[in-house]
């Protein structure tokens, strides 16, 4: 699995509730994202930062999702994102009680 961490700066005028509304407005597009297992939204209003943590099945699917078009969309919606890709060799899932390797 692959973890992608995306962060971007948000305007100081953006409140927690405004950011949550923007996140909710985009949430449905991730339901059909090829290879996406889970997405968590990130919010740090005190530091004017938002973002997401994505878990993909493969690096190819993760890189395909974060193409030039996606980066442009994120930049227009928020600001230019910082994107980092990581291998995710082990998952501890306390909801199911599983350790996935």
C-alpha atoms as a PDB file:
ATOM      1  CA  UNK A   1       0.000   0.000   0.000  1.00  0.00           C
ATOM      2  CA  UNK A   2       0.963   3.622  -0.470  1.00  0.00           C
ATOM      3  CA  UNK A   3       0.286   6.590   1.779  1.00  0.00           C
ATOM      4  CA  UNK A   4       0.130  10.040   0.206  1.00  0.00           C
ATOM      5  CA  UNK A   5       0.233  13.094   2.450  1.00  0.00           C
ATOM      6  CA  UNK A   6      -0.968  16.332   0.907  1.00  0.00           C
ATOM      7  CA  UNK A   7      -0.779  19.692   2.654  1.00  0.00           C
ATOM      8  CA  UNK A   8      -1.602  23.188   1.466  1.00  0.00           C
ATOM      9  CA  UNK A   9      -1.892  26.651   2.947  1.00  0.00           C
ATOM     10  CA  UNK A  10      -5.355  28.107   3.468  1.00  0.00           C
ATOM     11  CA  UNK A  11      -6.345  31.727   3.801  1.00  0.00           C
ATOM     12  CA  UNK A  12      -6.369  33.133   7.361  1.00  0.00           C
ATOM     13  CA  UNK A  13     -10.029  34.072   6.806  1.00  0.00           C
ATOM     14  CA  UNK A  14     -11.010  30.408   6.426  1.00  0.00           C
ATOM     15  CA  UNK A  15     -12.640  29.086   9.598  1.00  0.00           C
ATOM     16  CA  UNK A  16     -12.888  25.455  10.677  1.00  0.00           C
ATOM     17  CA  UNK A  17     -16.539  25.342   9.586  1.00  0.00           C
ATOM     18  CA  UNK A  18     -15.787  26.847   6.154  1.00  0.00           C
ATOM     19  CA  UNK A  19     -12.976  24.357   5.610  1.00  0.00           C
ATOM     20  CA  UNK A  20     -15.197  21.462   6.695  1.00  0.00           C
ATOM     21  CA  UNK A  21     -17.871  22.603   4.202  1.00  0.00           C
ATOM     22  CA  UNK A  22     -15.283  22.699   1.401  1.00  0.00           C
ATOM     23  CA  UNK A  23     -14.072  19.241   2.375  1.00  0.00           C
ATOM     24  CA  UNK A  24     -17.614  17.836   2.479  1.00  0.00           C
ATOM     25  CA  UNK A  25     -18.340  19.355  -0.938  1.00  0.00           C
ATOM     26  CA  UNK A  26     -15.449  17.390  -2.445  1.00  0.00           C
ATOM     27  CA  UNK A  27     -15.840  14.147  -0.478  1.00  0.00           C
ATOM     28  CA  UNK A  28     -17.997  12.300  -3.009  1.00  0.00           C
ATOM     29  CA  UNK A  29     -15.365  12.493  -5.763  1.00  0.00           C
ATOM     30  CA  UNK A  30     -13.182  10.130  -3.743  1.00  0.00           C
ATOM     31  CA  UNK A  31     -15.774   7.345  -3.624  1.00  0.00           C
ATOM     32  CA  UNK A  32     -14.831   6.196  -7.137  1.00  0.00           C
ATOM     33  CA  UNK A  33     -11.103   6.984  -7.113  1.00  0.00           C
ATOM     34  CA  UNK A  34      -9.244   3.991  -8.609  1.00  0.00           C
ATOM     35  CA  UNK A  35      -7.236   2.183  -5.954  1.00  0.00           C
ATOM     36  CA  UNK A  36      -8.111   4.549  -3.107  1.00  0.00           C
ATOM     37  CA  UNK A  37      -8.684   2.617   0.100  1.00  0.00           C
ATOM     38  CA  UNK A  38      -9.226   5.531   2.471  1.00  0.00           C
ATOM     39  CA  UNK A  39      -8.915   9.304   2.622  1.00  0.00           C
ATOM     40  CA  UNK A  40      -8.664  11.378   5.777  1.00  0.00           C
ATOM     41  CA  UNK A  41      -8.956  15.158   5.629  1.00  0.00           C
ATOM     42  CA  UNK A  42      -6.510  17.290   7.649  1.00  0.00           C
ATOM     43  CA  UNK A  43      -7.137  20.646   9.286  1.00  0.00           C
ATOM     44  CA  UNK A  44      -4.804  22.913  11.275  1.00  0.00           C
ATOM     45  CA  UNK A  45      -6.583  26.264  11.356  1.00  0.00           C
ATOM     46  CA  UNK A  46      -4.062  27.799  13.794  1.00  0.00           C
ATOM     47  CA  UNK A  47      -1.306  27.271  11.218  1.00  0.00           C
ATOM     48  CA  UNK A  48      -3.495  27.959   8.155  1.00  0.00           C
ATOM     49  CA  UNK A  49      -2.955  24.453   6.818  1.00  0.00           C
ATOM     50  CA  UNK A  50      -5.274  21.866   5.335  1.00  0.00           C
ATOM     51  CA  UNK A  51      -4.768  18.654   3.460  1.00  0.00           C
ATOM     52  CA  UNK A  52      -5.374  14.961   3.291  1.00  0.00           C
ATOM     53  CA  UNK A  53      -3.911  11.545   3.977  1.00  0.00           C
ATOM     54  CA  UNK A  54      -4.671   9.015   1.263  1.00  0.00           C
ATOM     55  CA  UNK A  55      -4.156   5.267   1.342  1.00  0.00           C
ATOM     56  CA  UNK A  56      -3.849   3.712  -2.132  1.00  0.00           C
ATOM     57  CA  UNK A  57      -3.411   0.108  -3.151  1.00  0.00           C
ATOM     58  CA  UNK A  58      -0.494   0.814  -5.517  1.00  0.00           C
ATOM     59  CA  UNK A  59       1.996   3.549  -6.324  1.00  0.00           C
ATOM     60  CA  UNK A  60       0.726   3.596  -9.918  1.00  0.00           C
ATOM     61  CA  UNK A  61      -2.819   4.436  -8.767  1.00  0.00           C
ATOM     62  CA  UNK A  62      -1.548   7.075  -6.338  1.00  0.00           C
ATOM     63  CA  UNK A  63       0.631   8.763  -8.945  1.00  0.00           C
ATOM     64  CA  UNK A  64      -2.140   8.549 -11.527  1.00  0.00           C
ATOM     65  CA  UNK A  65      -4.561  10.328  -9.192  1.00  0.00           C
ATOM     66  CA  UNK A  66      -2.143  13.156  -8.420  1.00  0.00           C
ATOM     67  CA  UNK A  67      -1.588  14.120 -12.031  1.00  0.00           C
ATOM     68  CA  UNK A  68      -1.138  17.660 -13.372  1.00  0.00           C
ATOM     69  CA  UNK A  69      -4.910  18.173 -13.576  1.00  0.00           C
ATOM     70  CA  UNK A  70      -5.434  17.209  -9.895  1.00  0.00           C
ATOM     71  CA  UNK A  71      -2.593  19.438  -8.724  1.00  0.00           C
ATOM     72  CA  UNK A  72      -4.044  22.350 -10.711  1.00  0.00           C
ATOM     73  CA  UNK A  73      -7.481  21.716  -9.146  1.00  0.00           C
ATOM     74  CA  UNK A  74      -6.006  21.683  -5.619  1.00  0.00           C
ATOM     75  CA  UNK A  75      -3.993  24.827  -6.323  1.00  0.00           C
ATOM     76  CA  UNK A  76      -7.057  26.701  -7.585  1.00  0.00           C
ATOM     77  CA  UNK A  77      -9.261  25.471  -4.737  1.00  0.00           C
ATOM     78  CA  UNK A  78      -6.777  26.059  -1.888  1.00  0.00           C
ATOM     79  CA  UNK A  79      -3.131  26.739  -2.844  1.00  0.00           C
ATOM     80  CA  UNK A  80      -0.196  24.852  -4.356  1.00  0.00           C
ATOM     81  CA  UNK A  81       0.002  21.536  -2.484  1.00  0.00           C
ATOM     82  CA  UNK A  82       2.991  19.721  -1.092  1.00  0.00           C
ATOM     83  CA  UNK A  83       2.641  16.025  -1.923  1.00  0.00           C
ATOM     84  CA  UNK A  84       4.682  13.172  -0.415  1.00  0.00           C
ATOM     85  CA  UNK A  85       4.451   9.456  -1.220  1.00  0.00           C
ATOM     86  CA  UNK A  86       5.329   6.728   1.309  1.00  0.00           C
ATOM     87  CA  UNK A  87       5.354   2.932   1.316  1.00  0.00           C
ATOM     88  CA  UNK A  88       2.854   1.585   3.864  1.00  0.00           C
ATOM     89  CA  UNK A  89       4.136  -1.921   4.679  1.00  0.00           C
ATOM     90  CA  UNK A  90       1.995  -2.578   7.778  1.00  0.00           C
ATOM     91  CA  UNK A  91      -1.425  -1.363   8.926  1.00  0.00           C
ATOM     92  CA  UNK A  92      -2.845  -1.760  12.429  1.00  0.00           C
ATOM     93  CA  UNK A  93      -6.640  -1.579  12.126  1.00  0.00           C
ATOM     94  CA  UNK A  94      -8.229  -1.271  15.555  1.00  0.00           C
ATOM     95  CA  UNK A  95     -11.749  -1.208  14.073  1.00  0.00           C
ATOM     96  CA  UNK A  96     -11.400  -4.730  12.695  1.00  0.00           C
ATOM     97  CA  UNK A  97      -8.651  -5.917  15.033  1.00  0.00           C
ATOM     98  CA  UNK A  98      -6.437  -6.737  12.056  1.00  0.00           C
ATOM     99  CA  UNK A  99      -2.755  -6.240  11.429  1.00  0.00           C
ATOM    100  CA  UNK A 100      -2.248  -6.151   7.673  1.00  0.00           C
ATOM    101  CA  UNK A 101       1.202  -6.775   6.245  1.00  0.00           C
END
